[in-house]
Amino acid sequence: MSRKSALKIVAMVLAMLMLSASIACAATKEEKRQHIRDISKKTLDKLYELQPSARHYVEKAAGYAVFGNWGVKLLFIGGGTGKGMAVNNETDEETFMDMVTGSVGLGIGAKTYNVVFVFEKEYALKTFTTEGWQFGGQATAAATDSVSGGAYQGAFSVSPDVWMYVITDKGLALEVTLKGTKYSRNDLN
């Protein structure tokens, strides 16, 4: 790739970032929350279409979290951001959150994807919403089959009592690596 092409891509990404930041600043707090709720509903609908058994897991869990994410990779460095919300199924309490990620390695491109976390136990949901999470190093989520007992079909086990579905434009992801990803509360709460 020529230097001129790389500079055009960088300029395009920066323009998109500035546009999305100006739109986000113009919206009220409640408009931002409603936008996140809408993305969450669409994401859950897509998940249930792709993996119908997921509806049972989400509804019977202590809670769940849904994030809309996008990322970009330019030569040796990449990053991404996203927004989402966690919901306590017992109380219907919503916690609005942010996600940021960074990566190093050769590549170029941009992608959007959505993530659904399912928290089997209350403590796992509470830890996620109050302390946030940070994945680093080689934290790779392992896909499991539904034969081994108790596994959520199509989901990744990311920690005890926490499962994750990753939805791309091609369907459910077959693998995911959580390097340099941080989830935390944001000021919409």
N, C-alpha and C. Protein backbone atom coordinates (compact mmCIF):
# COMPACT_ATOMS: atom_id res chain seq x y z
N MET A 1 0.85 -1.16 0.00
CA MET A 1 0.00 0.00 0.00
C MET A 1 0.90 1.23 0.00
N SER A 2 0.53 2.19 -0.83
CA SER A 2 1.33 3.41 -0.91
C SER A 2 1.05 4.30 0.29
N ARG A 3 1.98 5.18 0.52
CA ARG A 3 1.84 6.11 1.64
C ARG A 3 0.63 7.02 1.43
N LYS A 4 0.39 7.41 0.19
CA LYS A 4 -0.74 8.28 -0.14
C LYS A 4 -2.07 7.59 0.19
N SER A 5 -2.17 6.31 -0.13
CA SER A 5 -3.40 5.56 0.18
C SER A 5 -3.60 5.44 1.68
N ALA A 6 -2.53 5.18 2.40
CA ALA A 6 -2.61 5.06 3.85
C ALA A 6 -3.05 6.38 4.48
N LEU A 7 -2.53 7.49 3.98
CA LEU A 7 -2.92 8.80 4.51
C LEU A 7 -4.39 9.09 4.21
N LYS A 8 -4.89 8.66 3.06
CA LYS A 8 -6.31 8.86 2.74
C LYS A 8 -7.18 8.07 3.72
N ILE A 9 -6.77 6.86 4.02
CA ILE A 9 -7.55 6.03 4.96
C ILE A 9 -7.55 6.67 6.34
N VAL A 10 -6.40 7.14 6.79
CA VAL A 10 -6.31 7.79 8.10
C VAL A 10 -7.19 9.03 8.14
N ALA A 11 -7.16 9.83 7.08
CA ALA A 11 -7.98 11.04 7.02
C ALA A 11 -9.46 10.69 7.05
N MET A 12 -9.84 9.63 6.35
CA MET A 12 -11.23 9.20 6.33
C MET A 12 -11.69 8.76 7.73
N VAL A 13 -10.86 7.99 8.40
CA VAL A 13 -11.19 7.51 9.75
C VAL A 13 -11.31 8.69 10.71
N LEU A 14 -10.39 9.64 10.63
CA LEU A 14 -10.46 10.81 11.51
C LEU A 14 -11.72 11.63 11.24
N ALA A 15 -12.09 11.77 9.99
CA ALA A 15 -13.32 12.50 9.65
C ALA A 15 -14.55 11.81 10.23
N MET A 16 -14.57 10.46 10.13
CA MET A 16 -15.70 9.71 10.70
C MET A 16 -15.76 9.88 12.21
N LEU A 17 -14.59 9.87 12.86
CA LEU A 17 -14.55 10.05 14.31
C LEU A 17 -15.07 11.42 14.72
N MET A 18 -14.65 12.46 14.01
CA MET A 18 -15.10 13.81 14.34
C MET A 18 -16.60 13.96 14.11
N LEU A 19 -17.12 13.38 13.03
CA LEU A 19 -18.55 13.45 12.75
C LEU A 19 -19.35 12.73 13.82
N SER A 20 -18.92 11.53 14.18
CA SER A 20 -19.66 10.79 15.20
C SER A 20 -19.56 11.48 16.56
N ALA A 21 -18.44 12.09 16.86
CA ALA A 21 -18.31 12.83 18.13
C ALA A 21 -19.23 14.04 18.15
N SER A 22 -19.35 14.76 17.04
CA SER A 22 -20.22 15.93 17.02
C SER A 22 -21.68 15.52 17.13
N ILE A 23 -22.07 14.42 16.52
CA ILE A 23 -23.44 13.92 16.63
C ILE A 23 -23.72 13.49 18.07
N ALA A 24 -22.77 12.77 18.66
CA ALA A 24 -22.95 12.30 20.04
C ALA A 24 -23.07 13.46 21.01
N CYS A 25 -22.32 14.55 20.79
CA CYS A 25 -22.38 15.70 21.68
C CYS A 25 -23.71 16.44 21.54
N ALA A 26 -24.33 16.40 20.36
CA ALA A 26 -25.57 17.11 20.12
C ALA A 26 -26.77 16.44 20.80
N ALA A 27 -26.70 15.15 21.03
CA ALA A 27 -27.82 14.42 21.60
C ALA A 27 -27.92 14.65 23.10
N THR A 28 -29.16 14.62 23.61
CA THR A 28 -29.35 14.73 25.05
C THR A 28 -28.99 13.39 25.70
N LYS A 29 -28.88 13.43 27.00
CA LYS A 29 -28.56 12.22 27.75
C LYS A 29 -29.60 11.13 27.48
N GLU A 30 -30.88 11.48 27.51
CA GLU A 30 -31.94 10.48 27.28
C GLU A 30 -31.93 9.98 25.84
N GLU A 31 -31.61 10.84 24.88
CA GLU A 31 -31.51 10.40 23.48
C GLU A 31 -30.37 9.40 23.31
N LYS A 32 -29.26 9.65 23.98
CA LYS A 32 -28.14 8.72 23.93
C LYS A 32 -28.52 7.37 24.53
N ARG A 33 -29.22 7.42 25.68
CA ARG A 33 -29.66 6.18 26.32
C ARG A 33 -30.62 5.42 25.40
N GLN A 34 -31.56 6.12 24.78
CA GLN A 34 -32.52 5.46 23.91
C GLN A 34 -31.82 4.84 22.70
N HIS A 35 -30.82 5.51 22.18
CA HIS A 35 -30.06 4.96 21.06
C HIS A 35 -29.38 3.65 21.46
N ILE A 36 -28.81 3.62 22.65
CA ILE A 36 -28.17 2.39 23.15
C ILE A 36 -29.22 1.30 23.37
N ARG A 37 -30.37 1.65 23.91
CA ARG A 37 -31.45 0.68 24.08
C ARG A 37 -31.88 0.09 22.73
N ASP A 38 -32.00 0.95 21.71
CA ASP A 38 -32.40 0.49 20.37
C ASP A 38 -31.38 -0.47 19.79
N ILE A 39 -30.09 -0.14 19.92
CA ILE A 39 -29.03 -1.03 19.43
C ILE A 39 -29.09 -2.36 20.18
N SER A 40 -29.32 -2.30 21.49
CA SER A 40 -29.39 -3.52 22.29
C SER A 40 -30.54 -4.41 21.83
N LYS A 41 -31.70 -3.82 21.59
CA LYS A 41 -32.85 -4.61 21.15
C LYS A 41 -32.58 -5.25 19.78
N LYS A 42 -32.05 -4.47 18.85
CA LYS A 42 -31.74 -5.01 17.51
C LYS A 42 -30.70 -6.13 17.60
N THR A 43 -29.72 -5.95 18.47
CA THR A 43 -28.68 -6.96 18.63
C THR A 43 -29.27 -8.25 19.20
N LEU A 44 -30.10 -8.12 20.23
CA LEU A 44 -30.73 -9.31 20.81
C LEU A 44 -31.64 -10.00 19.79
N ASP A 45 -32.40 -9.23 19.02
CA ASP A 45 -33.25 -9.82 17.98
C ASP A 45 -32.41 -10.60 16.97
N LYS A 46 -31.27 -10.04 16.58
CA LYS A 46 -30.38 -10.71 15.62
C LYS A 46 -29.80 -11.99 16.24
N LEU A 47 -29.40 -11.91 17.51
CA LEU A 47 -28.88 -13.09 18.20
C LEU A 47 -29.91 -14.19 18.24
N TYR A 48 -31.16 -13.86 18.59
CA TYR A 48 -32.21 -14.87 18.68
C TYR A 48 -32.53 -15.47 17.31
N GLU A 49 -32.35 -14.68 16.27
CA GLU A 49 -32.55 -15.19 14.91
C GLU A 49 -31.44 -16.19 14.56
N LEU A 50 -30.19 -15.84 14.90
CA LEU A 50 -29.04 -16.69 14.58
C LEU A 50 -28.94 -17.90 15.49
N GLN A 51 -29.28 -17.72 16.77
CA GLN A 51 -29.14 -18.78 17.77
C GLN A 51 -30.38 -18.76 18.67
N PRO A 52 -31.47 -19.39 18.24
CA PRO A 52 -32.73 -19.32 18.99
C PRO A 52 -32.62 -19.75 20.46
N SER A 53 -31.74 -20.68 20.79
CA SER A 53 -31.61 -21.12 22.18
C SER A 53 -31.06 -20.02 23.08
N ALA A 54 -30.44 -18.99 22.51
CA ALA A 54 -29.87 -17.90 23.31
C ALA A 54 -30.94 -17.14 24.08
N ARG A 55 -32.15 -17.06 23.54
CA ARG A 55 -33.23 -16.34 24.22
C ARG A 55 -33.45 -16.92 25.63
N HIS A 56 -33.48 -18.24 25.73
CA HIS A 56 -33.67 -18.90 27.03
C HIS A 56 -32.54 -18.52 27.99
N TYR A 57 -31.30 -18.56 27.51
CA TYR A 57 -30.16 -18.24 28.37
C TYR A 57 -30.21 -16.80 28.85
N VAL A 58 -30.52 -15.86 27.97
CA VAL A 58 -30.57 -14.45 28.33
C VAL A 58 -31.69 -14.19 29.33
N GLU A 59 -32.86 -14.73 29.06
CA GLU A 59 -34.02 -14.47 29.93
C GLU A 59 -33.89 -15.12 31.30
N LYS A 60 -33.21 -16.25 31.42
CA LYS A 60 -33.08 -16.96 32.69
C LYS A 60 -31.84 -16.54 33.48
N ALA A 61 -30.97 -15.76 32.88
CA ALA A 61 -29.73 -15.35 33.54
C ALA A 61 -30.01 -14.25 34.57
N ALA A 62 -29.01 -13.99 35.42
CA ALA A 62 -29.11 -12.88 36.37
C ALA A 62 -29.17 -11.55 35.62
N GLY A 63 -28.52 -11.50 34.47
CA GLY A 63 -28.53 -10.29 33.66
C GLY A 63 -27.74 -10.49 32.39
N TYR A 64 -27.69 -9.43 31.61
CA TYR A 64 -26.97 -9.48 30.34
C TYR A 64 -26.45 -8.08 30.03
N ALA A 65 -25.54 -8.00 29.07
CA ALA A 65 -25.02 -6.73 28.59
C ALA A 65 -24.88 -6.81 27.08
N VAL A 66 -25.19 -5.72 26.41
CA VAL A 66 -25.11 -5.66 24.96
C VAL A 66 -24.29 -4.44 24.57
N PHE A 67 -23.35 -4.62 23.64
CA PHE A 67 -22.49 -3.54 23.17
C PHE A 67 -22.47 -3.51 21.65
N GLY A 68 -22.57 -2.31 21.09
CA GLY A 68 -22.32 -2.08 19.68
C GLY A 68 -20.91 -1.53 19.57
N ASN A 69 -20.07 -2.15 18.74
CA ASN A 69 -18.66 -1.81 18.67
C ASN A 69 -18.22 -1.57 17.24
N TRP A 70 -17.18 -0.78 17.08
CA TRP A 70 -16.53 -0.66 15.79
C TRP A 70 -15.03 -0.55 16.04
N GLY A 71 -14.27 -0.97 15.04
CA GLY A 71 -12.82 -0.95 15.18
C GLY A 71 -12.16 -0.67 13.85
N VAL A 72 -10.92 -0.22 13.91
CA VAL A 72 -10.15 0.06 12.71
C VAL A 72 -8.71 -0.42 12.93
N LYS A 73 -8.10 -0.90 11.89
CA LYS A 73 -6.71 -1.37 11.94
C LYS A 73 -5.97 -0.69 10.80
N LEU A 74 -4.92 0.05 11.13
CA LEU A 74 -4.11 0.74 10.14
C LEU A 74 -2.65 0.34 10.30
N LEU A 75 -2.19 -0.49 9.41
CA LEU A 75 -0.83 -1.01 9.39
C LEU A 75 -0.50 -1.74 10.69
N PHE A 76 0.22 -1.11 11.63
CA PHE A 76 0.68 -1.83 12.82
C PHE A 76 -0.11 -1.55 14.09
N ILE A 77 -1.10 -0.69 14.02
CA ILE A 77 -1.85 -0.34 15.22
C ILE A 77 -3.34 -0.31 14.92
N GLY A 78 -4.12 -0.69 15.91
CA GLY A 78 -5.57 -0.68 15.73
C GLY A 78 -6.26 -0.33 17.02
N GLY A 79 -7.51 -0.03 16.90
CA GLY A 79 -8.28 0.30 18.08
C GLY A 79 -9.76 0.32 17.77
N GLY A 80 -10.54 0.48 18.79
CA GLY A 80 -11.97 0.53 18.59
C GLY A 80 -12.66 1.04 19.83
N THR A 81 -13.92 1.28 19.68
CA THR A 81 -14.72 1.78 20.78
C THR A 81 -16.14 1.29 20.63
N GLY A 82 -16.89 1.38 21.69
CA GLY A 82 -18.28 0.97 21.64
C GLY A 82 -19.03 1.45 22.86
N LYS A 83 -20.33 1.37 22.76
CA LYS A 83 -21.20 1.74 23.86
C LYS A 83 -22.21 0.63 24.04
N GLY A 84 -22.70 0.51 25.26
CA GLY A 84 -23.69 -0.52 25.51
C GLY A 84 -24.34 -0.34 26.86
N MET A 85 -25.06 -1.37 27.24
CA MET A 85 -25.74 -1.34 28.52
C MET A 85 -25.83 -2.74 29.10
N ALA A 86 -25.82 -2.78 30.42
CA ALA A 86 -26.04 -4.03 31.15
C ALA A 86 -27.41 -3.92 31.81
N VAL A 87 -28.11 -5.06 31.87
CA VAL A 87 -29.45 -5.08 32.44
C VAL A 87 -29.54 -6.19 33.48
N ASN A 88 -30.02 -5.82 34.67
CA ASN A 88 -30.28 -6.80 35.72
C ASN A 88 -31.68 -7.35 35.46
N ASN A 89 -31.79 -8.65 35.16
CA ASN A 89 -33.08 -9.24 34.83
C ASN A 89 -34.08 -9.21 36.00
N GLU A 90 -33.59 -9.22 37.23
CA GLU A 90 -34.50 -9.23 38.37
C GLU A 90 -35.09 -7.85 38.65
N THR A 91 -34.26 -6.81 38.54
CA THR A 91 -34.70 -5.46 38.88
C THR A 91 -34.96 -4.57 37.67
N ASP A 92 -34.55 -5.00 36.48
CA ASP A 92 -34.63 -4.21 35.24
C ASP A 92 -33.73 -2.97 35.29
N GLU A 93 -32.81 -2.90 36.25
CA GLU A 93 -31.88 -1.77 36.32
C GLU A 93 -30.96 -1.79 35.11
N GLU A 94 -30.78 -0.62 34.50
CA GLU A 94 -29.89 -0.47 33.35
C GLU A 94 -28.63 0.25 33.79
N THR A 95 -27.48 -0.24 33.35
CA THR A 95 -26.21 0.42 33.58
C THR A 95 -25.57 0.67 32.23
N PHE A 96 -25.38 1.93 31.88
CA PHE A 96 -24.80 2.28 30.58
C PHE A 96 -23.28 2.26 30.70
N MET A 97 -22.63 1.73 29.65
CA MET A 97 -21.20 1.47 29.74
C MET A 97 -20.49 1.80 28.42
N ASP A 98 -19.16 1.90 28.51
CA ASP A 98 -18.29 2.12 27.35
C ASP A 98 -17.37 0.94 27.18
N MET A 99 -16.86 0.77 25.98
CA MET A 99 -15.87 -0.25 25.68
C MET A 99 -14.78 0.40 24.82
N VAL A 100 -13.52 0.15 25.15
CA VAL A 100 -12.40 0.58 24.30
C VAL A 100 -11.47 -0.60 24.12
N THR A 101 -10.85 -0.65 22.97
CA THR A 101 -9.92 -1.73 22.69
C THR A 101 -8.74 -1.20 21.89
N GLY A 102 -7.61 -1.84 22.03
CA GLY A 102 -6.42 -1.49 21.28
C GLY A 102 -5.70 -2.75 20.87
N SER A 103 -5.01 -2.68 19.74
CA SER A 103 -4.27 -3.85 19.28
C SER A 103 -3.04 -3.43 18.51
N VAL A 104 -2.08 -4.32 18.46
CA VAL A 104 -0.85 -4.11 17.72
C VAL A 104 -0.65 -5.32 16.81
N GLY A 105 -0.26 -5.09 15.59
CA GLY A 105 -0.04 -6.16 14.64
C GLY A 105 -0.39 -5.68 13.25
N LEU A 106 0.10 -6.36 12.26
CA LEU A 106 -0.08 -5.96 10.87
C LEU A 106 -1.52 -6.15 10.43
N GLY A 107 -2.06 -5.14 9.76
CA GLY A 107 -3.41 -5.25 9.22
C GLY A 107 -3.94 -3.91 8.76
N ILE A 108 -5.05 -3.96 8.02
CA ILE A 108 -5.72 -2.74 7.59
C ILE A 108 -7.19 -3.06 7.40
N GLY A 109 -8.05 -2.17 7.82
CA GLY A 109 -9.47 -2.38 7.63
C GLY A 109 -10.27 -1.83 8.78
N ALA A 110 -11.60 -1.90 8.62
CA ALA A 110 -12.53 -1.44 9.64
C ALA A 110 -13.64 -2.47 9.76
N LYS A 111 -14.21 -2.59 10.95
CA LYS A 111 -15.30 -3.54 11.14
C LYS A 111 -16.22 -3.06 12.24
N THR A 112 -17.45 -3.50 12.14
CA THR A 112 -18.41 -3.29 13.21
C THR A 112 -18.89 -4.65 13.68
N TYR A 113 -19.18 -4.75 14.94
CA TYR A 113 -19.66 -6.00 15.52
C TYR A 113 -20.39 -5.69 16.80
N ASN A 114 -21.18 -6.64 17.26
CA ASN A 114 -21.93 -6.48 18.49
C ASN A 114 -21.60 -7.63 19.42
N VAL A 115 -21.64 -7.35 20.71
CA VAL A 115 -21.31 -8.33 21.73
C VAL A 115 -22.47 -8.43 22.72
N VAL A 116 -22.83 -9.66 23.08
CA VAL A 116 -23.82 -9.90 24.13
C VAL A 116 -23.16 -10.75 25.20
N PHE A 117 -23.12 -10.23 26.43
CA PHE A 117 -22.64 -10.99 27.58
C PHE A 117 -23.86 -11.53 28.32
N VAL A 118 -23.77 -12.77 28.78
CA VAL A 118 -24.82 -13.37 29.61
C VAL A 118 -24.20 -13.72 30.95
N PHE A 119 -24.76 -13.16 32.02
CA PHE A 119 -24.24 -13.37 33.37
C PHE A 119 -25.15 -14.35 34.09
N GLU A 120 -24.65 -15.53 34.34
CA GLU A 120 -25.47 -16.55 35.01
C GLU A 120 -25.76 -16.19 36.47
N LYS A 121 -24.81 -15.56 37.12
CA LYS A 121 -24.93 -15.26 38.56
C LYS A 121 -24.89 -13.75 38.81
N GLU A 122 -25.57 -13.34 39.87
CA GLU A 122 -25.67 -11.93 40.23
C GLU A 122 -24.28 -11.31 40.49
N TYR A 123 -23.39 -12.05 41.16
CA TYR A 123 -22.06 -11.48 41.47
C TYR A 123 -21.29 -11.14 40.20
N ALA A 124 -21.43 -11.95 39.16
CA ALA A 124 -20.71 -11.69 37.90
C ALA A 124 -21.23 -10.41 37.25
N LEU A 125 -22.54 -10.23 37.25
CA LEU A 125 -23.13 -9.00 36.70
C LEU A 125 -22.71 -7.79 37.52
N LYS A 126 -22.77 -7.91 38.83
CA LYS A 126 -22.42 -6.78 39.70
C LYS A 126 -20.95 -6.38 39.52
N THR A 127 -20.06 -7.37 39.44
CA THR A 127 -18.65 -7.07 39.23
C THR A 127 -18.45 -6.32 37.92
N PHE A 128 -19.12 -6.77 36.88
CA PHE A 128 -19.01 -6.15 35.56
C PHE A 128 -19.49 -4.70 35.60
N THR A 129 -20.63 -4.45 36.23
CA THR A 129 -21.21 -3.10 36.21
C THR A 129 -20.57 -2.14 37.20
N THR A 130 -20.02 -2.64 38.28
CA THR A 130 -19.43 -1.73 39.27
C THR A 130 -17.92 -1.55 39.10
N GLU A 131 -17.23 -2.61 38.75
CA GLU A 131 -15.78 -2.54 38.62
C GLU A 131 -15.31 -2.49 37.18
N GLY A 132 -16.16 -2.90 36.25
CA GLY A 132 -15.73 -3.00 34.86
C GLY A 132 -14.83 -4.20 34.68
N TRP A 133 -14.42 -4.39 33.48
CA TRP A 133 -13.53 -5.51 33.16
C TRP A 133 -12.42 -5.01 32.28
N GLN A 134 -11.31 -5.68 32.37
CA GLN A 134 -10.21 -5.39 31.46
C GLN A 134 -9.60 -6.70 31.05
N PHE A 135 -9.56 -6.92 29.74
CA PHE A 135 -8.91 -8.11 29.20
C PHE A 135 -7.57 -7.68 28.62
N GLY A 136 -6.53 -8.42 28.91
CA GLY A 136 -5.23 -8.08 28.36
C GLY A 136 -4.46 -9.33 28.03
N GLY A 137 -3.29 -9.14 27.48
CA GLY A 137 -2.43 -10.28 27.15
C GLY A 137 -3.10 -11.22 26.18
N GLN A 138 -3.14 -12.48 26.53
CA GLN A 138 -3.66 -13.51 25.64
C GLN A 138 -5.02 -14.03 26.08
N ALA A 139 -5.89 -13.17 26.55
CA ALA A 139 -7.22 -13.60 27.00
C ALA A 139 -8.07 -13.94 25.78
N THR A 140 -8.06 -15.20 25.42
CA THR A 140 -8.83 -15.66 24.27
C THR A 140 -10.03 -16.43 24.76
N ALA A 141 -11.19 -16.04 24.32
CA ALA A 141 -12.41 -16.74 24.70
C ALA A 141 -12.49 -18.05 23.95
N ALA A 142 -12.86 -19.10 24.65
CA ALA A 142 -12.92 -20.43 24.05
C ALA A 142 -14.35 -20.80 23.71
N ALA A 143 -14.59 -21.10 22.45
CA ALA A 143 -15.90 -21.58 22.05
C ALA A 143 -16.05 -23.01 22.56
N THR A 144 -17.27 -23.35 22.97
CA THR A 144 -17.50 -24.69 23.49
C THR A 144 -18.60 -25.36 22.70
N ASP A 145 -18.61 -26.67 22.76
CA ASP A 145 -19.71 -27.38 22.12
C ASP A 145 -20.80 -27.64 23.15
N SER A 146 -21.98 -27.97 22.69
CA SER A 146 -23.09 -28.18 23.62
C SER A 146 -23.13 -29.60 24.14
N VAL A 147 -22.11 -30.40 23.85
CA VAL A 147 -22.06 -31.79 24.27
C VAL A 147 -21.38 -31.93 25.63
N SER A 148 -20.48 -31.01 25.96
CA SER A 148 -19.66 -31.13 27.17
C SER A 148 -20.42 -30.86 28.45
N GLY A 149 -21.67 -30.46 28.34
CA GLY A 149 -22.47 -30.25 29.55
C GLY A 149 -22.51 -28.80 29.96
N GLY A 150 -23.68 -28.21 29.93
CA GLY A 150 -23.87 -26.86 30.43
C GLY A 150 -23.37 -25.75 29.52
N ALA A 151 -22.83 -26.07 28.38
CA ALA A 151 -22.28 -25.04 27.51
C ALA A 151 -23.40 -24.33 26.76
N TYR A 152 -23.25 -23.04 26.58
CA TYR A 152 -24.19 -22.25 25.80
C TYR A 152 -23.81 -22.42 24.33
N GLN A 153 -24.67 -22.99 23.55
CA GLN A 153 -24.36 -23.24 22.15
C GLN A 153 -24.13 -21.93 21.42
N GLY A 154 -23.00 -21.83 20.72
CA GLY A 154 -22.66 -20.64 19.96
C GLY A 154 -22.02 -19.54 20.77
N ALA A 155 -21.82 -19.74 22.07
CA ALA A 155 -21.25 -18.70 22.93
C ALA A 155 -19.84 -19.06 23.35
N PHE A 156 -19.12 -18.05 23.84
CA PHE A 156 -17.77 -18.22 24.36
C PHE A 156 -17.82 -18.06 25.87
N SER A 157 -17.08 -18.90 26.58
CA SER A 157 -16.94 -18.74 28.02
C SER A 157 -15.78 -17.78 28.26
N VAL A 158 -16.07 -16.63 28.90
CA VAL A 158 -15.01 -15.64 29.12
C VAL A 158 -14.55 -15.56 30.55
N SER A 159 -15.33 -16.08 31.47
CA SER A 159 -14.94 -16.21 32.87
C SER A 159 -16.02 -17.05 33.55
N PRO A 160 -15.80 -17.46 34.79
CA PRO A 160 -16.82 -18.26 35.46
C PRO A 160 -18.18 -17.55 35.45
N ASP A 161 -19.20 -18.25 35.01
CA ASP A 161 -20.58 -17.76 35.00
C ASP A 161 -20.84 -16.62 34.03
N VAL A 162 -19.94 -16.43 33.06
CA VAL A 162 -20.13 -15.38 32.05
C VAL A 162 -19.88 -15.96 30.67
N TRP A 163 -20.87 -15.75 29.80
CA TRP A 163 -20.80 -16.21 28.41
C TRP A 163 -20.91 -15.02 27.49
N MET A 164 -20.34 -15.13 26.30
CA MET A 164 -20.35 -14.02 25.37
C MET A 164 -20.67 -14.52 23.96
N TYR A 165 -21.57 -13.81 23.31
CA TYR A 165 -21.86 -14.02 21.89
C TYR A 165 -21.29 -12.83 21.13
N VAL A 166 -20.64 -13.07 20.01
CA VAL A 166 -20.14 -12.00 19.16
C VAL A 166 -20.85 -12.12 17.82
N ILE A 167 -21.51 -11.04 17.42
CA ILE A 167 -22.29 -11.03 16.20
C ILE A 167 -21.62 -10.09 15.20
N THR A 168 -21.25 -10.63 14.05
CA THR A 168 -20.66 -9.84 12.98
C THR A 168 -21.65 -9.75 11.83
N ASP A 169 -21.27 -9.06 10.78
CA ASP A 169 -22.16 -8.99 9.62
C ASP A 169 -22.29 -10.35 8.92
N LYS A 170 -21.44 -11.28 9.27
CA LYS A 170 -21.50 -12.63 8.69
C LYS A 170 -22.18 -13.64 9.61
N GLY A 171 -22.66 -13.21 10.77
CA GLY A 171 -23.33 -14.10 11.71
C GLY A 171 -22.58 -14.15 13.03
N LEU A 172 -22.70 -15.28 13.72
CA LEU A 172 -21.98 -15.46 14.99
C LEU A 172 -20.50 -15.71 14.72
N ALA A 173 -19.64 -15.10 15.50
CA ALA A 173 -18.20 -15.29 15.35
C ALA A 173 -17.82 -16.68 15.82
N LEU A 174 -16.85 -17.26 15.14
CA LEU A 174 -16.37 -18.59 15.51
C LEU A 174 -15.25 -18.52 16.53
N GLU A 175 -14.60 -17.39 16.63
CA GLU A 175 -13.55 -17.20 17.62
C GLU A 175 -13.43 -15.72 17.93
N VAL A 176 -12.85 -15.41 19.07
CA VAL A 176 -12.65 -14.02 19.44
C VAL A 176 -11.47 -13.94 20.40
N THR A 177 -10.67 -12.91 20.23
CA THR A 177 -9.56 -12.65 21.14
C THR A 177 -9.80 -11.33 21.83
N LEU A 178 -9.70 -11.31 23.13
CA LEU A 178 -9.97 -10.11 23.93
C LEU A 178 -8.68 -9.49 24.42
N LYS A 179 -7.88 -8.99 23.52
CA LYS A 179 -6.62 -8.36 23.91
C LYS A 179 -6.83 -6.87 24.05
N GLY A 180 -6.44 -6.32 25.18
CA GLY A 180 -6.51 -4.88 25.37
C GLY A 180 -7.91 -4.31 25.29
N THR A 181 -8.90 -4.98 25.86
CA THR A 181 -10.27 -4.50 25.84
C THR A 181 -10.71 -4.16 27.25
N LYS A 182 -11.32 -2.98 27.41
CA LYS A 182 -11.78 -2.53 28.72
C LYS A 182 -13.24 -2.12 28.64
N TYR A 183 -14.03 -2.60 29.61
CA TYR A 183 -15.44 -2.24 29.75
C TYR A 183 -15.59 -1.47 31.04
N SER A 184 -16.30 -0.31 30.99
CA SER A 184 -16.48 0.49 32.21
C SER A 184 -17.76 1.31 32.13
N ARG A 185 -18.25 1.73 33.30
CA ARG A 185 -19.45 2.57 33.39
C ARG A 185 -19.18 3.90 32.70
N ASN A 186 -20.24 4.52 32.17
CA ASN A 186 -20.06 5.85 31.62
C ASN A 186 -21.00 6.84 32.30
N ASP A 187 -20.97 8.09 31.88
CA ASP A 187 -21.72 9.15 32.56
C ASP A 187 -23.20 9.19 32.22
N LEU A 188 -23.72 8.21 31.50
CA LEU A 188 -25.15 8.19 31.19
C LEU A 188 -25.96 7.62 32.34
N ASN A 189 -25.29 7.12 33.40
CA ASN A 189 -26.01 6.53 34.54
C ASN A 189 -26.55 7.60 35.46
